[in-house]
Amino acid sequence: TEKASEMGALHDASVFQLVTMTALYTSIKVFEPVAMDPKLIPRLSQGMYTVQELENMEVAMLEALNWRVNPPTAHAFVQQYIDILAPSFDDATKDTIYDLSLLQIGLAVRDYKFIMVKRSALALSCVMNAIESLLHRSWNTTNTSSNTTCIIGDELSEIVNIDWRSPEFVEVQNCLYAAVVTNRKAGLEVSPVSRIFLDTRREDKLYRYSQSSEVSPRSTAEREM
């Protein structure tokens, strides 16, 4: 906000429009396979801005962001965690873990409670929920599946330096479980794979936090994960 104010974007509509068009231009450059020709900006703005103004604003915005325009996403962390676990599961199981993790991420990005949770921690929570649910379903033996989950969780925790046993981490896990339950109760068919959560989780844990109106994983953001 301070940088935006210095640029005049908060007080000048024309500068604000230039900032918006520059953000679009830079986003396409970063995330799309083909970059936008900067000469299109004068045409799109009907001659209001020149290529030089666009490029000057882009440099100013990138410097304000310290060039942090392509941070790792929760999806990227999920893939890395699954790669670490590669020797422990077959390809079909890894695919299911990935699908279950993406399901939870999709719910998390629509829920303000997860805004302050680090993407690495969110991804690990999703992966551990998926593994726990799959093992519980496959073996149908609580003690055996829990022991194996703990072994995997401790191994991942040490490698990625995230304390998966911390109360804050467990809170995020339960919020994700609750999000799946809430969406299913609301009749939103998020994905057929979501049935794994409902069919295999013990109700006492599955609904542990779904009955609370003040569940928030914000404290996770305060820990260095």
Protein backbone atom coordinates (compact mmCIF):
# COMPACT_ATOMS: atom_id res chain seq x y z
CA THR A 1 0.00 0.00 0.00
CA GLU A 2 2.85 2.39 0.84
CA LYS A 3 4.53 1.68 -2.50
CA ALA A 4 1.22 2.09 -4.33
CA SER A 5 0.75 5.44 -2.64
CA GLU A 6 4.24 6.53 -3.67
CA MET A 7 3.44 5.64 -7.28
CA GLY A 8 0.26 7.71 -7.07
CA ALA A 9 -1.93 4.72 -7.86
CA LEU A 10 -4.24 5.42 -4.92
CA HIS A 11 -4.88 9.01 -5.90
CA ASP A 12 -4.67 9.14 -9.68
CA ALA A 13 -7.08 7.08 -11.77
CA SER A 14 -4.81 7.12 -14.81
CA VAL A 15 -1.87 5.80 -12.77
CA PHE A 16 -4.11 3.16 -11.21
CA GLN A 17 -5.16 2.03 -14.68
CA LEU A 18 -1.53 1.85 -15.79
CA VAL A 19 -0.69 -0.24 -12.71
CA THR A 20 -3.57 -2.59 -13.52
CA MET A 21 -2.52 -3.02 -17.16
CA THR A 22 1.10 -3.52 -16.12
CA ALA A 23 0.07 -6.19 -13.62
CA LEU A 24 -1.83 -8.00 -16.37
CA TYR A 25 1.13 -7.69 -18.74
CA THR A 26 3.59 -9.03 -16.15
CA SER A 27 1.27 -11.85 -15.05
CA ILE A 28 0.94 -13.07 -18.62
CA LYS A 29 4.71 -12.93 -19.00
CA VAL A 30 5.24 -14.99 -15.83
CA PHE A 31 2.47 -17.56 -16.06
CA GLU A 32 1.57 -17.98 -19.73
CA PRO A 33 3.64 -19.80 -22.37
CA VAL A 34 3.58 -16.78 -24.70
CA ALA A 35 4.33 -13.25 -23.50
CA MET A 36 2.24 -10.27 -24.54
CA ASP A 37 3.88 -7.88 -26.97
CA PRO A 38 4.32 -4.60 -25.04
CA LYS A 39 3.25 -2.75 -28.18
CA LEU A 40 -0.28 -4.02 -27.51
CA ILE A 41 -0.59 -1.85 -24.41
CA PRO A 42 -0.83 1.47 -26.32
CA ARG A 43 -3.54 -0.11 -28.47
CA LEU A 44 -5.44 -1.55 -25.51
CA SER A 45 -5.26 1.76 -23.67
CA GLN A 46 -6.28 3.67 -26.80
CA GLY A 47 -3.04 5.62 -26.78
CA MET A 48 -3.14 6.63 -23.11
CA TYR A 49 0.14 4.86 -22.28
CA THR A 50 3.35 4.27 -24.18
CA VAL A 51 5.57 1.19 -24.18
CA GLN A 52 8.16 3.14 -22.20
CA GLU A 53 5.61 4.04 -19.50
CA LEU A 54 4.59 0.40 -19.29
CA GLU A 55 8.16 -0.81 -18.91
CA ASN A 56 8.99 1.87 -16.34
CA MET A 57 5.95 0.93 -14.28
CA GLU A 58 6.82 -2.77 -14.54
CA VAL A 59 10.31 -2.13 -13.15
CA ALA A 60 8.86 -0.02 -10.32
CA MET A 61 6.33 -2.73 -9.42
CA LEU A 62 8.88 -5.54 -9.56
CA GLU A 63 11.25 -3.61 -7.31
CA ALA A 64 8.38 -2.93 -4.87
CA LEU A 65 7.73 -6.70 -4.80
CA ASN A 66 11.46 -7.47 -4.49
CA TRP A 67 11.00 -9.47 -7.70
CA ARG A 68 8.91 -12.07 -5.85
CA VAL A 69 6.43 -12.66 -8.64
CA ASN A 70 6.47 -16.45 -8.91
CA PRO A 71 6.40 -17.98 -5.42
CA PRO A 72 5.89 -21.74 -5.01
CA THR A 73 2.25 -22.72 -4.73
CA ALA A 74 0.65 -25.29 -2.47
CA HIS A 75 0.27 -27.49 -5.56
CA ALA A 76 4.02 -27.36 -6.14
CA PHE A 77 4.74 -28.29 -2.53
CA VAL A 78 2.31 -31.22 -2.74
CA GLN A 79 4.16 -32.58 -5.76
CA GLN A 80 7.50 -32.24 -3.98
CA TYR A 81 6.22 -34.04 -0.89
CA ILE A 82 4.83 -36.87 -3.00
CA ASP A 83 8.17 -37.15 -4.81
CA ILE A 84 9.86 -37.55 -1.41
CA LEU A 85 7.40 -40.34 -0.58
CA ALA A 86 7.88 -42.06 -3.95
CA PRO A 87 9.50 -45.26 -2.59
CA SER A 88 6.68 -45.75 -0.05
CA PHE A 89 3.72 -45.94 -2.45
CA ASP A 90 2.86 -47.28 -5.87
CA ASP A 91 1.88 -44.95 -8.72
CA ALA A 92 -1.88 -45.43 -8.25
CA THR A 93 -1.67 -44.54 -4.56
CA LYS A 94 0.48 -41.49 -5.26
CA ASP A 95 -2.06 -40.33 -7.84
CA THR A 96 -4.85 -40.67 -5.27
CA ILE A 97 -2.84 -38.79 -2.64
CA TYR A 98 -2.30 -36.03 -5.19
CA ASP A 99 -6.01 -35.87 -6.10
CA LEU A 100 -7.08 -35.82 -2.45
CA SER A 101 -4.55 -33.08 -1.71
CA LEU A 102 -5.73 -30.93 -4.61
CA LEU A 103 -9.31 -31.36 -3.43
CA GLN A 104 -8.40 -29.87 -0.06
CA ILE A 105 -6.33 -27.08 -1.59
CA GLY A 106 -9.28 -26.16 -3.79
CA LEU A 107 -11.44 -25.79 -0.69
CA ALA A 108 -8.75 -23.92 1.25
CA VAL A 109 -8.26 -21.20 -1.37
CA ARG A 110 -11.94 -20.29 -1.03
CA ASP A 111 -11.82 -20.06 2.76
CA TYR A 112 -10.40 -16.94 4.44
CA LYS A 113 -9.32 -18.99 7.46
CA PHE A 114 -6.39 -20.35 5.46
CA ILE A 115 -5.10 -17.04 4.09
CA MET A 116 -2.28 -16.73 6.62
CA VAL A 117 -1.22 -20.38 6.52
CA LYS A 118 2.09 -20.90 4.74
CA ARG A 119 1.68 -22.75 1.46
CA SER A 120 4.23 -25.35 2.51
CA ALA A 121 2.32 -26.10 5.72
CA LEU A 122 -1.03 -26.18 3.93
CA ALA A 123 0.32 -28.63 1.37
CA LEU A 124 1.77 -30.93 4.02
CA SER A 125 -1.52 -30.87 5.93
CA CYS A 126 -3.36 -31.90 2.77
CA VAL A 127 -0.89 -34.69 2.03
CA MET A 128 -1.00 -36.06 5.58
CA ASN A 129 -4.81 -36.01 5.60
CA ALA A 130 -4.83 -37.90 2.32
CA ILE A 131 -2.34 -40.50 3.55
CA GLU A 132 -4.17 -40.95 6.86
CA SER A 133 -7.49 -41.46 5.11
CA LEU A 134 -6.08 -43.86 2.54
CA LEU A 135 -4.26 -45.99 5.09
CA HIS A 136 -7.31 -46.12 7.35
CA ARG A 137 -9.42 -47.24 4.41
CA SER A 138 -6.94 -49.77 3.06
CA TRP A 139 -6.10 -51.49 6.32
CA ASN A 140 -9.22 -50.73 8.33
CA THR A 141 -7.06 -51.10 11.44
CA THR A 142 -6.75 -47.95 13.47
CA ASN A 143 -3.53 -48.77 15.32
CA THR A 144 -1.67 -50.04 12.28
CA SER A 145 -2.70 -47.15 10.05
CA SER A 146 -1.95 -44.60 12.78
CA ASN A 147 1.52 -46.01 13.40
CA THR A 148 2.36 -45.96 9.71
CA THR A 149 0.98 -42.43 9.36
CA CYS A 150 3.18 -41.31 12.26
CA ILE A 151 6.29 -42.86 10.68
CA ILE A 152 5.60 -41.12 7.37
CA GLY A 153 4.67 -37.86 9.09
CA ASP A 154 7.85 -37.84 11.19
CA GLU A 155 9.97 -38.57 8.13
CA LEU A 156 8.42 -35.78 6.09
CA SER A 157 8.49 -33.42 9.05
CA GLU A 158 12.22 -33.85 9.49
CA ILE A 159 12.97 -33.44 5.79
CA VAL A 160 10.85 -30.32 5.18
CA ASN A 161 11.32 -28.81 8.67
CA ILE A 162 7.63 -28.55 9.53
CA ASP A 163 6.41 -29.81 12.89
CA TRP A 164 3.41 -31.90 11.88
CA ARG A 165 2.72 -32.81 15.52
CA SER A 166 2.27 -29.20 16.65
CA PRO A 167 -1.22 -28.13 17.79
CA GLU A 168 -1.27 -25.48 15.07
CA PHE A 169 -0.58 -28.02 12.34
CA VAL A 170 -3.23 -30.42 13.66
CA GLU A 171 -5.69 -27.52 13.72
CA VAL A 172 -5.09 -26.90 10.01
CA GLN A 173 -5.61 -30.61 9.29
CA ASN A 174 -8.92 -30.63 11.11
CA CYS A 175 -10.07 -27.44 9.42
CA LEU A 176 -9.42 -29.12 6.07
CA TYR A 177 -11.38 -32.20 7.12
CA ALA A 178 -14.21 -29.93 8.27
CA ALA A 179 -14.16 -28.11 4.93
CA VAL A 180 -14.68 -31.40 3.08
CA VAL A 181 -17.55 -32.32 5.40
CA THR A 182 -19.17 -28.91 5.09
CA ASN A 183 -19.10 -29.00 1.31
CA ARG A 184 -20.55 -32.49 1.19
CA LYS A 185 -23.29 -31.52 3.66
CA ALA A 186 -24.10 -28.51 1.49
CA GLY A 187 -24.61 -30.85 -1.45
CA LEU A 188 -21.56 -29.65 -3.36
CA GLU A 189 -20.08 -32.62 -5.20
CA VAL A 190 -16.50 -31.42 -5.13
CA SER A 191 -15.04 -34.66 -6.44
CA PRO A 192 -15.88 -38.37 -6.29
CA VAL A 193 -12.55 -38.92 -4.56
CA SER A 194 -13.83 -36.86 -1.61
CA ARG A 195 -15.86 -39.90 -0.54
CA ILE A 196 -12.62 -41.41 0.72
CA PHE A 197 -12.65 -38.87 3.52
CA LEU A 198 -16.25 -39.55 4.48
CA ASP A 199 -16.12 -43.31 4.07
CA THR A 200 -12.95 -43.92 6.04
CA ARG A 201 -12.58 -41.27 8.71
CA ARG A 202 -13.80 -41.93 12.24
CA GLU A 203 -16.64 -39.53 12.98
CA ASP A 204 -15.22 -38.38 16.31
CA LYS A 205 -12.19 -36.89 14.54
CA LEU A 206 -13.88 -35.99 11.29
CA TYR A 207 -16.36 -33.75 13.09
CA ARG A 208 -14.02 -32.66 15.86
CA TYR A 209 -13.88 -29.10 14.57
CA SER A 210 -16.81 -29.02 12.16
CA GLN A 211 -19.16 -28.23 15.04
CA SER A 212 -17.13 -25.18 16.07
CA SER A 213 -17.93 -21.77 14.63
CA GLU A 214 -14.57 -20.29 15.58
CA VAL A 215 -12.09 -22.65 14.00
CA SER A 216 -9.11 -20.78 12.61
CA PRO A 217 -5.66 -22.00 11.59
CA ARG A 218 -4.23 -18.49 11.61
CA SER A 219 -1.83 -19.29 14.42
CA THR A 220 0.02 -21.63 12.06
CA ALA A 221 1.27 -18.58 10.19
CA GLU A 222 3.00 -17.37 13.32
CA ARG A 223 5.25 -20.43 13.37
CA GLU A 224 8.23 -20.77 11.08
CA MET A 225 7.14 -23.63 8.83
